[in-house]
C-alpha atoms as a PDB file:
ATOM      1  CA  UNK A   1       0.025  -0.011   0.068  1.00  0.00           C
ATOM      2  CA  UNK A   2       1.248   3.314  -1.026  1.00  0.00           C
ATOM      3  CA  UNK A   3       0.364   6.309   1.280  1.00  0.00           C
ATOM      4  CA  UNK A   4       0.618   9.862   0.331  1.00  0.00           C
ATOM      5  CA  UNK A   5       0.171  12.520   3.313  1.00  0.00           C
ATOM      6  CA  UNK A   6      -1.320  15.992   2.567  1.00  0.00           C
ATOM      7  CA  UNK A   7      -1.603  18.439   5.366  1.00  0.00           C
ATOM      8  CA  UNK A   8      -4.722  20.617   4.509  1.00  0.00           C
ATOM      9  CA  UNK A   9      -4.371  23.002   7.431  1.00  0.00           C
ATOM     10  CA  UNK A  10      -3.900  23.822  10.834  1.00  0.00           C
ATOM     11  CA  UNK A  11      -7.067  24.216  13.342  1.00  0.00           C
ATOM     12  CA  UNK A  12      -6.927  24.518  16.933  1.00  0.00           C
ATOM     13  CA  UNK A  13      -7.855  21.362  18.962  1.00  0.00           C
ATOM     14  CA  UNK A  14      -9.220  19.941  15.589  1.00  0.00           C
ATOM     15  CA  UNK A  15     -11.467  17.039  16.345  1.00  0.00           C
ATOM     16  CA  UNK A  16     -14.374  16.525  13.861  1.00  0.00           C
ATOM     17  CA  UNK A  17     -14.040  15.477  10.304  1.00  0.00           C
ATOM     18  CA  UNK A  18     -16.337  14.924   7.350  1.00  0.00           C
ATOM     19  CA  UNK A  19     -15.857  14.151   3.714  1.00  0.00           C
ATOM     20  CA  UNK A  20     -18.754  15.305   1.695  1.00  0.00           C
ATOM     21  CA  UNK A  21     -19.669  16.559  -1.792  1.00  0.00           C
ATOM     22  CA  UNK A  22     -19.954  20.474  -2.347  1.00  0.00           C
ATOM     23  CA  UNK A  23     -20.663  21.577  -5.933  1.00  0.00           C
ATOM     24  CA  UNK A  24     -19.861  18.275  -7.177  1.00  0.00           C
ATOM     25  CA  UNK A  25     -16.429  18.145  -5.618  1.00  0.00           C
ATOM     26  CA  UNK A  26     -14.952  15.987  -2.884  1.00  0.00           C
ATOM     27  CA  UNK A  27     -14.764  18.290   0.114  1.00  0.00           C
ATOM     28  CA  UNK A  28     -12.903  17.687   3.311  1.00  0.00           C
ATOM     29  CA  UNK A  29     -14.218  19.241   6.547  1.00  0.00           C
ATOM     30  CA  UNK A  30     -12.412  19.741   9.849  1.00  0.00           C
ATOM     31  CA  UNK A  31     -13.772  21.301  13.079  1.00  0.00           C
ATOM     32  CA  UNK A  32     -12.442  22.468  16.553  1.00  0.00           C
ATOM     33  CA  UNK A  33     -13.744  20.864  19.814  1.00  0.00           C
ATOM     34  CA  UNK A  34     -12.670  23.938  21.413  1.00  0.00           C
ATOM     35  CA  UNK A  35     -13.731  27.532  20.899  1.00  0.00           C
ATOM     36  CA  UNK A  36     -12.183  27.388  17.387  1.00  0.00           C
ATOM     37  CA  UNK A  37     -13.258  27.172  13.585  1.00  0.00           C
ATOM     38  CA  UNK A  38     -14.424  24.905  10.983  1.00  0.00           C
ATOM     39  CA  UNK A  39     -12.692  24.830   7.618  1.00  0.00           C
ATOM     40  CA  UNK A  40     -13.434  23.042   4.163  1.00  0.00           C
ATOM     41  CA  UNK A  41     -11.007  22.043   1.665  1.00  0.00           C
ATOM     42  CA  UNK A  42     -11.814  21.059  -1.742  1.00  0.00           C
ATOM     43  CA  UNK A  43      -8.296  20.541  -3.176  1.00  0.00           C
ATOM     44  CA  UNK A  44      -8.192  24.003  -4.631  1.00  0.00           C
ATOM     45  CA  UNK A  45      -9.511  26.412  -2.145  1.00  0.00           C
ATOM     46  CA  UNK A  46     -10.060  26.663   1.787  1.00  0.00           C
ATOM     47  CA  UNK A  47     -13.467  27.993   2.882  1.00  0.00           C
ATOM     48  CA  UNK A  48     -14.611  28.944   6.407  1.00  0.00           C
ATOM     49  CA  UNK A  49     -17.848  27.537   7.696  1.00  0.00           C
ATOM     50  CA  UNK A  50     -17.437  29.302  11.046  1.00  0.00           C
ATOM     51  CA  UNK A  51     -14.792  30.813  13.166  1.00  0.00           C
ATOM     52  CA  UNK A  52     -16.767  30.359  16.561  1.00  0.00           C
ATOM     53  CA  UNK A  53     -18.369  29.014  18.580  1.00  0.00           C
ATOM     54  CA  UNK A  54     -16.680  25.624  18.101  1.00  0.00           C
ATOM     55  CA  UNK A  55     -17.360  22.706  20.381  1.00  0.00           C
ATOM     56  CA  UNK A  56     -17.964  20.453  17.400  1.00  0.00           C
ATOM     57  CA  UNK A  57     -18.190  16.680  17.896  1.00  0.00           C
ATOM     58  CA  UNK A  58     -19.654  15.626  14.513  1.00  0.00           C
ATOM     59  CA  UNK A  59     -20.472  16.857  11.182  1.00  0.00           C
ATOM     60  CA  UNK A  60     -22.547  14.256   8.832  1.00  0.00           C
ATOM     61  CA  UNK A  61     -23.575  14.840   5.288  1.00  0.00           C
ATOM     62  CA  UNK A  62     -27.248  14.688   4.526  1.00  0.00           C
ATOM     63  CA  UNK A  63     -27.759  11.461   2.544  1.00  0.00           C
ATOM     64  CA  UNK A  64     -28.156  12.096  -1.111  1.00  0.00           C
ATOM     65  CA  UNK A  65     -27.822  15.761  -1.132  1.00  0.00           C
ATOM     66  CA  UNK A  66     -24.760  17.802  -2.103  1.00  0.00           C
ATOM     67  CA  UNK A  67     -23.912  20.958  -0.210  1.00  0.00           C
ATOM     68  CA  UNK A  68     -25.863  20.000   2.821  1.00  0.00           C
ATOM     69  CA  UNK A  69     -24.743  18.630   6.444  1.00  0.00           C
ATOM     70  CA  UNK A  70     -25.934  18.481   9.991  1.00  0.00           C
ATOM     71  CA  UNK A  71     -23.230  19.168  12.793  1.00  0.00           C
ATOM     72  CA  UNK A  72     -22.827  19.966  16.357  1.00  0.00           C
ATOM     73  CA  UNK A  73     -21.604  23.079  18.103  1.00  0.00           C
ATOM     74  CA  UNK A  74     -21.454  24.274  21.831  1.00  0.00           C
ATOM     75  CA  UNK A  75     -20.093  20.904  23.162  1.00  0.00           C
ATOM     76  CA  UNK A  76     -18.358  23.221  25.573  1.00  0.00           C
ATOM     77  CA  UNK A  77     -16.902  22.775  28.020  1.00  0.00           C
ATOM     78  CA  UNK A  78     -16.334  19.062  27.238  1.00  0.00           C
ATOM     79  CA  UNK A  79     -17.397  17.929  30.643  1.00  0.00           C
ATOM     80  CA  UNK A  80     -20.251  20.155  30.876  1.00  0.00           C
ATOM     81  CA  UNK A  81     -22.058  20.315  27.467  1.00  0.00           C
ATOM     82  CA  UNK A  82     -25.520  20.993  28.335  1.00  0.00           C
ATOM     83  CA  UNK A  83     -25.603  23.786  25.826  1.00  0.00           C
ATOM     84  CA  UNK A  84     -24.764  21.540  22.987  1.00  0.00           C
ATOM     85  CA  UNK A  85     -26.890  22.107  19.954  1.00  0.00           C
ATOM     86  CA  UNK A  86     -27.646  20.676  16.398  1.00  0.00           C
ATOM     87  CA  UNK A  87     -27.257  22.738  13.185  1.00  0.00           C
ATOM     88  CA  UNK A  88     -28.138  22.703   9.596  1.00  0.00           C
ATOM     89  CA  UNK A  89     -25.000  23.596   7.554  1.00  0.00           C
ATOM     90  CA  UNK A  90     -25.471  24.433   3.885  1.00  0.00           C
ATOM     91  CA  UNK A  91     -23.373  25.773   0.993  1.00  0.00           C
ATOM     92  CA  UNK A  92     -25.342  27.991  -1.150  1.00  0.00           C
ATOM     93  CA  UNK A  93     -24.318  30.736  -3.715  1.00  0.00           C
ATOM     94  CA  UNK A  94     -20.753  30.526  -2.809  1.00  0.00           C
ATOM     95  CA  UNK A  95     -20.990  30.978   0.936  1.00  0.00           C
ATOM     96  CA  UNK A  96     -21.545  28.769   3.903  1.00  0.00           C
ATOM     97  CA  UNK A  97     -24.789  29.086   6.086  1.00  0.00           C
ATOM     98  CA  UNK A  98     -25.261  27.568   9.555  1.00  0.00           C
ATOM     99  CA  UNK A  99     -28.748  27.429  11.128  1.00  0.00           C
ATOM    100  CA  UNK A 100     -29.546  26.253  14.438  1.00  0.00           C
ATOM    101  CA  UNK A 101     -31.945  23.356  14.228  1.00  0.00           C
ATOM    102  CA  UNK A 102     -32.292  22.609  18.106  1.00  0.00           C
ATOM    103  CA  UNK A 103     -30.646  22.583  21.374  1.00  0.00           C
ATOM    104  CA  UNK A 104     -29.559  18.959  22.136  1.00  0.00           C
ATOM    105  CA  UNK A 105     -27.558  18.514  25.462  1.00  0.00           C
ATOM    106  CA  UNK A 106     -24.716  16.286  25.541  1.00  0.00           C
ATOM    107  CA  UNK A 107     -25.160  15.014  21.974  1.00  0.00           C
ATOM    108  CA  UNK A 108     -21.723  13.220  21.426  1.00  0.00           C
ATOM    109  CA  UNK A 109     -22.202  11.145  18.326  1.00  0.00           C
ATOM    110  CA  UNK A 110     -25.008  11.030  15.476  1.00  0.00           C
ATOM    111  CA  UNK A 111     -25.733   9.907  12.150  1.00  0.00           C
ATOM    112  CA  UNK A 112     -28.263  10.346   9.261  1.00  0.00           C
ATOM    113  CA  UNK A 113     -29.824   7.558   7.213  1.00  0.00           C
ATOM    114  CA  UNK A 114     -32.462   7.311   4.505  1.00  0.00           C
ATOM    115  CA  UNK A 115     -35.392   5.134   4.645  1.00  0.00           C
ATOM    116  CA  UNK A 116     -38.231   4.945   2.259  1.00  0.00           C
ATOM    117  CA  UNK A 117     -37.405   8.353   0.916  1.00  0.00           C
ATOM    118  CA  UNK A 118     -37.120  10.314   4.280  1.00  0.00           C
ATOM    119  CA  UNK A 119     -34.116  11.198   6.212  1.00  0.00           C
ATOM    120  CA  UNK A 120     -33.899  10.002   9.800  1.00  0.00           C
ATOM    121  CA  UNK A 121     -31.580  10.794  12.669  1.00  0.00           C
ATOM    122  CA  UNK A 122     -30.019   8.682  15.297  1.00  0.00           C
ATOM    123  CA  UNK A 123     -27.902  10.208  18.124  1.00  0.00           C
ATOM    124  CA  UNK A 124     -26.300   9.134  21.375  1.00  0.00           C
ATOM    125  CA  UNK A 125     -25.776  11.546  24.325  1.00  0.00           C
ATOM    126  CA  UNK A 126     -22.609  11.096  26.360  1.00  0.00           C
ATOM    127  CA  UNK A 127     -24.502  11.460  29.541  1.00  0.00           C
ATOM    128  CA  UNK A 128     -27.759  13.347  30.768  1.00  0.00           C
ATOM    129  CA  UNK A 129     -25.974  15.746  32.982  1.00  0.00           C
ATOM    130  CA  UNK A 130     -22.619  16.538  34.997  1.00  0.00           C
ATOM    131  CA  UNK A 131     -21.398  18.567  37.816  1.00  0.00           C
ATOM    132  CA  UNK A 132     -17.641  17.777  37.601  1.00  0.00           C
ATOM    133  CA  UNK A 133     -15.460  16.038  35.124  1.00  0.00           C
ATOM    134  CA  UNK A 134     -15.733  12.385  36.283  1.00  0.00           C
ATOM    135  CA  UNK A 135     -19.557  12.750  37.204  1.00  0.00           C
ATOM    136  CA  UNK A 136     -20.869   9.700  35.464  1.00  0.00           C
ATOM    137  CA  UNK A 137     -24.100   9.310  37.634  1.00  0.00           C
ATOM    138  CA  UNK A 138     -26.558  10.210  34.885  1.00  0.00           C
ATOM    139  CA  UNK A 139     -26.000   7.727  32.020  1.00  0.00           C
ATOM    140  CA  UNK A 140     -26.517   8.480  28.283  1.00  0.00           C
ATOM    141  CA  UNK A 141     -29.379   7.740  25.957  1.00  0.00           C
ATOM    142  CA  UNK A 142     -30.003   7.034  22.421  1.00  0.00           C
ATOM    143  CA  UNK A 143     -32.386   9.127  20.507  1.00  0.00           C
ATOM    144  CA  UNK A 144     -34.126   8.809  16.907  1.00  0.00           C
ATOM    145  CA  UNK A 145     -36.041  11.463  14.797  1.00  0.00           C
ATOM    146  CA  UNK A 146     -37.251  12.128  11.158  1.00  0.00           C
ATOM    147  CA  UNK A 147     -35.928  15.370   9.595  1.00  0.00           C
ATOM    148  CA  UNK A 148     -38.446  17.782   8.331  1.00  0.00           C
ATOM    149  CA  UNK A 149     -38.480  18.690   4.606  1.00  0.00           C
ATOM    150  CA  UNK A 150     -37.037  22.009   5.723  1.00  0.00           C
ATOM    151  CA  UNK A 151     -33.798  20.671   7.185  1.00  0.00           C
ATOM    152  CA  UNK A 152     -33.378  23.999   9.207  1.00  0.00           C
ATOM    153  CA  UNK A 153     -36.588  22.957  11.259  1.00  0.00           C
ATOM    154  CA  UNK A 154     -36.571  21.125  14.661  1.00  0.00           C
ATOM    155  CA  UNK A 155     -37.885  17.763  14.552  1.00  0.00           C
ATOM    156  CA  UNK A 156     -39.559  15.303  17.020  1.00  0.00           C
ATOM    157  CA  UNK A 157     -36.920  13.299  19.089  1.00  0.00           C
ATOM    158  CA  UNK A 158     -37.838   9.993  20.520  1.00  0.00           C
ATOM    159  CA  UNK A 159     -35.790   8.203  23.304  1.00  0.00           C
ATOM    160  CA  UNK A 160     -35.508   4.519  22.418  1.00  0.00           C
ATOM    161  CA  UNK A 161     -32.840   3.622  25.067  1.00  0.00           C
ATOM    162  CA  UNK A 162     -31.438   4.984  28.263  1.00  0.00           C
ATOM    163  CA  UNK A 163     -28.783   3.647  30.601  1.00  0.00           C
ATOM    164  CA  UNK A 164     -25.554   3.669  28.764  1.00  0.00           C
ATOM    165  CA  UNK A 165     -22.803   5.122  31.045  1.00  0.00           C
ATOM    166  CA  UNK A 166     -19.866   6.926  29.083  1.00  0.00           C
ATOM    167  CA  UNK A 167     -21.827   6.515  26.102  1.00  0.00           C
ATOM    168  CA  UNK A 168     -19.035   7.005  23.624  1.00  0.00           C
ATOM    169  CA  UNK A 169     -18.534   4.696  20.803  1.00  0.00           C
ATOM    170  CA  UNK A 170     -20.926   4.762  17.647  1.00  0.00           C
ATOM    171  CA  UNK A 171     -20.724   2.665  14.497  1.00  0.00           C
ATOM    172  CA  UNK A 172     -22.677   2.327  11.618  1.00  0.00           C
ATOM    173  CA  UNK A 173     -22.992  -1.330  10.131  1.00  0.00           C
ATOM    174  CA  UNK A 174     -24.464  -1.817   6.820  1.00  0.00           C
ATOM    175  CA  UNK A 175     -25.442  -5.453   6.136  1.00  0.00           C
ATOM    176  CA  UNK A 176     -27.254  -7.250   3.277  1.00  0.00           C
ATOM    177  CA  UNK A 177     -30.261  -7.535   5.282  1.00  0.00           C
ATOM    178  CA  UNK A 178     -30.364  -4.037   6.678  1.00  0.00           C
ATOM    179  CA  UNK A 179     -28.750  -1.225   8.799  1.00  0.00           C
ATOM    180  CA  UNK A 180     -27.697  -1.325  12.460  1.00  0.00           C
ATOM    181  CA  UNK A 181     -25.798   0.866  14.878  1.00  0.00           C
ATOM    182  CA  UNK A 182     -23.176  -0.413  17.501  1.00  0.00           C
ATOM    183  CA  UNK A 183     -23.284   1.928  20.677  1.00  0.00           C
ATOM    184  CA  UNK A 184     -20.870   1.423  23.339  1.00  0.00           C
ATOM    185  CA  UNK A 185     -20.289   2.234  27.062  1.00  0.00           C
ATOM    186  CA  UNK A 186     -19.545   0.953  30.628  1.00  0.00           C
ATOM    187  CA  UNK A 187     -22.453  -1.641  30.202  1.00  0.00           C
ATOM    188  CA  UNK A 188     -20.878  -3.047  26.984  1.00  0.00           C
ATOM    189  CA  UNK A 189     -22.035  -2.852  23.369  1.00  0.00           C
ATOM    190  CA  UNK A 190     -25.425  -2.568  22.206  1.00  0.00           C
ATOM    191  CA  UNK A 191     -26.815  -3.280  18.703  1.00  0.00           C
ATOM    192  CA  UNK A 192     -29.649  -1.239  17.338  1.00  0.00           C
ATOM    193  CA  UNK A 193     -31.195  -2.624  14.348  1.00  0.00           C
ATOM    194  CA  UNK A 194     -33.203  -0.224  12.162  1.00  0.00           C
ATOM    195  CA  UNK A 195     -36.682  -1.279  11.570  1.00  0.00           C
ATOM    196  CA  UNK A 196     -38.743  -0.636   8.177  1.00  0.00           C
ATOM    197  CA  UNK A 197     -40.606   2.296   9.804  1.00  0.00           C
ATOM    198  CA  UNK A 198     -37.939   3.752  12.251  1.00  0.00           C
ATOM    199  CA  UNK A 199     -40.426   6.188  14.037  1.00  0.00           C
ATOM    200  CA  UNK A 200     -43.326   3.732  14.244  1.00  0.00           C
ATOM    201  CA  UNK A 201     -42.083   0.265  14.692  1.00  0.00           C
ATOM    202  CA  UNK A 202     -39.994  -1.112  17.424  1.00  0.00           C
ATOM    203  CA  UNK A 203     -36.198  -1.302  17.141  1.00  0.00           C
ATOM    204  CA  UNK A 204     -34.404  -4.440  17.799  1.00  0.00           C
ATOM    205  CA  UNK A 205     -32.016  -3.659  20.578  1.00  0.00           C
ATOM    206  CA  UNK A 206     -29.285  -6.393  21.661  1.00  0.00           C
ATOM    207  CA  UNK A 207     -26.453  -6.406  24.020  1.00  0.00           C
ATOM    208  CA  UNK A 208     -23.729  -8.194  22.355  1.00  0.00           C
ATOM    209  CA  UNK A 209     -20.900  -7.460  24.824  1.00  0.00           C
ATOM    210  CA  UNK A 210     -21.273  -7.058  28.576  1.00  0.00           C
ATOM    211  CA  UNK A 211     -17.977  -5.352  29.607  1.00  0.00           C
ATOM    212  CA  UNK A 212     -16.721  -1.692  29.243  1.00  0.00           C
ATOM    213  CA  UNK A 213     -15.952  -0.796  25.658  1.00  0.00           C
ATOM    214  CA  UNK A 214     -15.061   2.731  24.444  1.00  0.00           C
ATOM    215  CA  UNK A 215     -15.185   2.513  20.770  1.00  0.00           C
ATOM    216  CA  UNK A 216     -15.967  -0.321  17.960  1.00  0.00           C
ATOM    217  CA  UNK A 217     -15.614  -1.196  14.437  1.00  0.00           C
ATOM    218  CA  UNK A 218     -16.505  -4.179  12.289  1.00  0.00           C
ATOM    219  CA  UNK A 219     -14.844  -5.499   9.252  1.00  0.00           C
ATOM    220  CA  UNK A 220     -14.585  -9.010   7.742  1.00  0.00           C
ATOM    221  CA  UNK A 221     -10.835  -8.957   8.173  1.00  0.00           C
ATOM    222  CA  UNK A 222     -10.123 -12.380   7.009  1.00  0.00           C
ATOM    223  CA  UNK A 223     -12.792 -12.566   4.360  1.00  0.00           C
ATOM    224  CA  UNK A 224     -14.664 -15.732   5.539  1.00  0.00           C
ATOM    225  CA  UNK A 225     -18.008 -14.239   5.549  1.00  0.00           C
ATOM    226  CA  UNK A 226     -18.000 -13.373   9.102  1.00  0.00           C
ATOM    227  CA  UNK A 227     -17.527 -10.004  10.676  1.00  0.00           C
ATOM    228  CA  UNK A 228     -14.817  -9.218  13.168  1.00  0.00           C
ATOM    229  CA  UNK A 229     -15.107  -6.708  15.867  1.00  0.00           C
ATOM    230  CA  UNK A 230     -12.383  -4.262  16.825  1.00  0.00           C
ATOM    231  CA  UNK A 231     -12.644  -2.154  20.185  1.00  0.00           C
ATOM    232  CA  UNK A 232     -10.772   0.208  22.156  1.00  0.00           C
ATOM    233  CA  UNK A 233     -10.998  -0.849  25.944  1.00  0.00           C
ATOM    234  CA  UNK A 234     -11.943   0.604  28.516  1.00  0.00           C
ATOM    235  CA  UNK A 235     -13.191   4.120  28.228  1.00  0.00           C
ATOM    236  CA  UNK A 236     -10.399   5.930  26.145  1.00  0.00           C
ATOM    237  CA  UNK A 237      -8.448   3.011  26.858  1.00  0.00           C
ATOM    238  CA  UNK A 238      -5.207   1.431  26.506  1.00  0.00           C
ATOM    239  CA  UNK A 239      -5.936  -1.840  24.592  1.00  0.00           C
ATOM    240  CA  UNK A 240      -7.171  -2.545  21.146  1.00  0.00           C
ATOM    241  CA  UNK A 241      -9.041  -5.858  20.928  1.00  0.00           C
ATOM    242  CA  UNK A 242     -10.102  -7.796  17.840  1.00  0.00           C
ATOM    243  CA  UNK A 243     -12.800 -10.375  18.260  1.00  0.00           C
ATOM    244  CA  UNK A 244     -14.080 -13.200  16.084  1.00  0.00           C
ATOM    245  CA  UNK A 245     -17.281 -15.089  16.529  1.00  0.00           C
ATOM    246  CA  UNK A 246     -16.699 -18.703  17.408  1.00  0.00           C
ATOM    247  CA  UNK A 247     -19.777 -21.007  17.818  1.00  0.00           C
ATOM    248  CA  UNK A 248     -21.845 -18.143  18.421  1.00  0.00           C
ATOM    249  CA  UNK A 249     -19.534 -16.234  20.867  1.00  0.00           C
ATOM    250  CA  UNK A 250     -17.311 -13.332  20.224  1.00  0.00           C
ATOM    251  CA  UNK A 251     -13.807 -14.321  21.352  1.00  0.00           C
ATOM    252  CA  UNK A 252     -10.577 -11.973  21.342  1.00  0.00           C
ATOM    253  CA  UNK A 253      -7.900 -13.160  18.897  1.00  0.00           C
ATOM    254  CA  UNK A 254      -5.618 -10.397  19.159  1.00  0.00           C
ATOM    255  CA  UNK A 255      -4.667  -7.309  21.498  1.00  0.00           C
ATOM    256  CA  UNK A 256      -2.763  -4.340  20.658  1.00  0.00           C
ATOM    257  CA  UNK A 257      -1.406  -1.985  23.246  1.00  0.00           C
ATOM    258  CA  UNK A 258      -2.197   1.605  22.856  1.00  0.00           C
ATOM    259  CA  UNK A 259      -2.437   4.864  24.865  1.00  0.00           C
ATOM    260  CA  UNK A 260      -5.501   6.873  25.012  1.00  0.00           C
ATOM    261  CA  UNK A 261      -7.310   5.003  22.217  1.00  0.00           C
ATOM    262  CA  UNK A 262      -9.713   7.322  20.364  1.00  0.00           C
ATOM    263  CA  UNK A 263     -10.188   6.098  16.726  1.00  0.00           C
ATOM    264  CA  UNK A 264     -11.210   2.733  15.463  1.00  0.00           C
ATOM    265  CA  UNK A 265     -12.685   2.261  11.907  1.00  0.00           C
ATOM    266  CA  UNK A 266     -13.384  -0.856   9.799  1.00  0.00           C
ATOM    267  CA  UNK A 267     -13.844  -1.168   6.151  1.00  0.00           C
ATOM    268  CA  UNK A 268     -11.940  -1.432   2.671  1.00  0.00           C
ATOM    269  CA  UNK A 269      -8.633   0.414   2.300  1.00  0.00           C
ATOM    270  CA  UNK A 270      -8.193  -0.136  -1.342  1.00  0.00           C
ATOM    271  CA  UNK A 271      -8.750  -3.806  -1.881  1.00  0.00           C
ATOM    272  CA  UNK A 272      -7.975  -4.865   1.544  1.00  0.00           C
ATOM    273  CA  UNK A 273     -10.269  -5.289   4.655  1.00  0.00           C
ATOM    274  CA  UNK A 274      -8.813  -3.169   7.181  1.00  0.00           C
ATOM    275  CA  UNK A 275      -9.170  -1.563  10.679  1.00  0.00           C
ATOM    276  CA  UNK A 276      -7.691   1.922  11.377  1.00  0.00           C
ATOM    277  CA  UNK A 277      -6.763   2.477  14.950  1.00  0.00           C
ATOM    278  CA  UNK A 278      -5.901   5.747  16.418  1.00  0.00           C
ATOM    279  CA  UNK A 279      -3.993   6.847  19.869  1.00  0.00           C
ATOM    280  CA  UNK A 280      -3.792  10.236  21.350  1.00  0.00           C
ATOM    281  CA  UNK A 281      -0.814   9.749  23.812  1.00  0.00           C
ATOM    282  CA  UNK A 282       2.825   8.408  23.899  1.00  0.00           C
ATOM    283  CA  UNK A 283       3.717   7.720  20.162  1.00  0.00           C
ATOM    284  CA  UNK A 284       0.176   9.245  19.122  1.00  0.00           C
ATOM    285  CA  UNK A 285       0.133   6.660  16.058  1.00  0.00           C
ATOM    286  CA  UNK A 286      -2.326   5.903  13.365  1.00  0.00           C
ATOM    287  CA  UNK A 287      -2.101   2.243  12.762  1.00  0.00           C
ATOM    288  CA  UNK A 288      -3.664   0.002   9.904  1.00  0.00           C
ATOM    289  CA  UNK A 289      -4.544  -3.666  10.758  1.00  0.00           C
ATOM    290  CA  UNK A 290      -5.083  -6.315   8.086  1.00  0.00           C
ATOM    291  CA  UNK A 291      -4.977  -9.998   7.635  1.00  0.00           C
ATOM    292  CA  UNK A 292      -2.030 -11.482   5.821  1.00  0.00           C
ATOM    293  CA  UNK A 293      -0.910 -15.073   5.185  1.00  0.00           C
ATOM    294  CA  UNK A 294      -3.166 -16.388   8.142  1.00  0.00           C
ATOM    295  CA  UNK A 295      -1.967 -13.623  10.603  1.00  0.00           C
ATOM    296  CA  UNK A 296      -3.269 -10.285  11.739  1.00  0.00           C
ATOM    297  CA  UNK A 297      -0.587  -7.674  10.913  1.00  0.00           C
ATOM    298  CA  UNK A 298      -0.452  -3.965  12.290  1.00  0.00           C
ATOM    299  CA  UNK A 299       1.353  -1.430  10.243  1.00  0.00           C
ATOM    300  CA  UNK A 300       2.272   2.141  11.236  1.00  0.00           C
ATOM    301  CA  UNK A 301       0.664   4.715   8.862  1.00  0.00           C
ATOM    302  CA  UNK A 302       1.764   7.920  10.751  1.00  0.00           C
ATOM    303  CA  UNK A 303       2.956   8.797  14.345  1.00  0.00           C
ATOM    304  CA  UNK A 304       3.166  11.870  16.601  1.00  0.00           C
ATOM    305  CA  UNK A 305      -0.035  13.225  15.454  1.00  0.00           C
ATOM    306  CA  UNK A 306      -2.568  11.953  17.940  1.00  0.00           C
ATOM    307  CA  UNK A 307      -5.832  11.349  15.918  1.00  0.00           C
ATOM    308  CA  UNK A 308      -9.316  11.920  17.322  1.00  0.00           C
ATOM    309  CA  UNK A 309     -11.511  11.143  14.475  1.00  0.00           C
ATOM    310  CA  UNK A 310     -11.246   9.939  10.929  1.00  0.00           C
ATOM    311  CA  UNK A 311     -13.496   9.953   7.698  1.00  0.00           C
ATOM    312  CA  UNK A 312     -12.946   7.498   5.012  1.00  0.00           C
ATOM    313  CA  UNK A 313     -13.900   7.485   1.399  1.00  0.00           C
ATOM    314  CA  UNK A 314     -13.338   5.134  -1.445  1.00  0.00           C
ATOM    315  CA  UNK A 315     -13.068   7.076  -4.768  1.00  0.00           C
ATOM    316  CA  UNK A 316     -11.898   5.119  -7.940  1.00  0.00           C
ATOM    317  CA  UNK A 317      -8.817   3.222  -7.278  1.00  0.00           C
ATOM    318  CA  UNK A 318      -7.778   5.229  -4.083  1.00  0.00           C
ATOM    319  CA  UNK A 319      -8.940   5.450  -0.610  1.00  0.00           C
ATOM    320  CA  UNK A 320      -8.822   8.870   1.182  1.00  0.00           C
ATOM    321  CA  UNK A 321      -8.416   8.950   5.085  1.00  0.00           C
ATOM    322  CA  UNK A 322      -9.178  12.273   6.492  1.00  0.00           C
ATOM    323  CA  UNK A 323      -7.701  12.519  10.132  1.00  0.00           C
ATOM    324  CA  UNK A 324      -8.127  15.111  12.635  1.00  0.00           C
ATOM    325  CA  UNK A 325      -4.741  14.942  14.298  1.00  0.00           C
ATOM    326  CA  UNK A 326      -5.987  16.565  17.243  1.00  0.00           C
ATOM    327  CA  UNK A 327      -2.729  16.609  19.474  1.00  0.00           C
ATOM    328  CA  UNK A 328      -0.849  18.763  16.867  1.00  0.00           C
ATOM    329  CA  UNK A 329      -3.780  20.844  15.637  1.00  0.00           C
ATOM    330  CA  UNK A 330      -3.471  19.243  12.280  1.00  0.00           C
ATOM    331  CA  UNK A 331      -6.068  18.189   9.521  1.00  0.00           C
ATOM    332  CA  UNK A 332      -4.322  15.912   7.262  1.00  0.00           C
ATOM    333  CA  UNK A 333      -5.583  13.784   4.061  1.00  0.00           C
ATOM    334  CA  UNK A 334      -3.817  10.389   3.517  1.00  0.00           C
ATOM    335  CA  UNK A 335      -4.162   9.088  -0.084  1.00  0.00           C
ATOM    336  CA  UNK A 336      -3.803   5.278  -0.016  1.00  0.00           C
ATOM    337  CA  UNK A 337      -3.346   3.380  -3.330  1.00  0.00           C
ATOM    338  CA  UNK A 338      -2.173  -0.051  -4.296  1.00  0.00           C
ATOM    339  CA  UNK A 339       1.617  -0.148  -5.125  1.00  0.00           C
END
């Protein structure tokens, strides 16, 4: 695998990443988790979505729409984010516009998906309230909603699950038979299967792991038709564990020591099924993990960067990895291609 790194820009406390389409061009977006800006890069120009207020945990393209995104602001301070809000972001007539949709306290991760022509929201709150940094007495929840035709308008939100402490990990899993989300916390890993009518029908919710997990991703690493699971354990933890299902039970098959793990992603890197793993302390590495000649192999992609979040897009014969290298205030794009 050949990897070419391009530094797109410097953003103070860059945390959130997004790859979307703006006026037909692949556009990379990076946003600060602090009181800082959000910038977009299309390969030719840099544009500013906002300079303040910052506190952005997520930016997500609206499915099937160019120039349209949802994102969070005001997740500030990180331990007491009751002022967090959800915003509609659009690029129109050459300028970025940001419109507040609604307040959404402690919204840490969310996604948008399409079903029967409608756009739906699923989001997870880190907690329901805090009075100090390590106050985890009020566990987080999982919420759903259906967007209005006018994306700038607030929409009804329904709580479909409550009781996930340190509600942190959030993974979209697209399967042949449907869509599900994996959401993690102290109580383990919960699978939320999207029903045909997301607001009206019951979601199938299963607890697939019962120990503390910070983040999770899935990928058929060895291409045997069965998904492997990669986790960071415990919260912001020091171990990556890869699990394989054997006789109906998920069993660990490899562990990788890390320091302040914060990124785990699974999918295709070129033609190769891969997990990408990032840590924010010590060597502050970005690591690729793949299966080769019967073994699980991990390879260094970059170091001394401290990634907090990545977005990945396959385009033609190349895979692009957009990384918020949080510990050095760097937004970087890695172009991966077969040698």
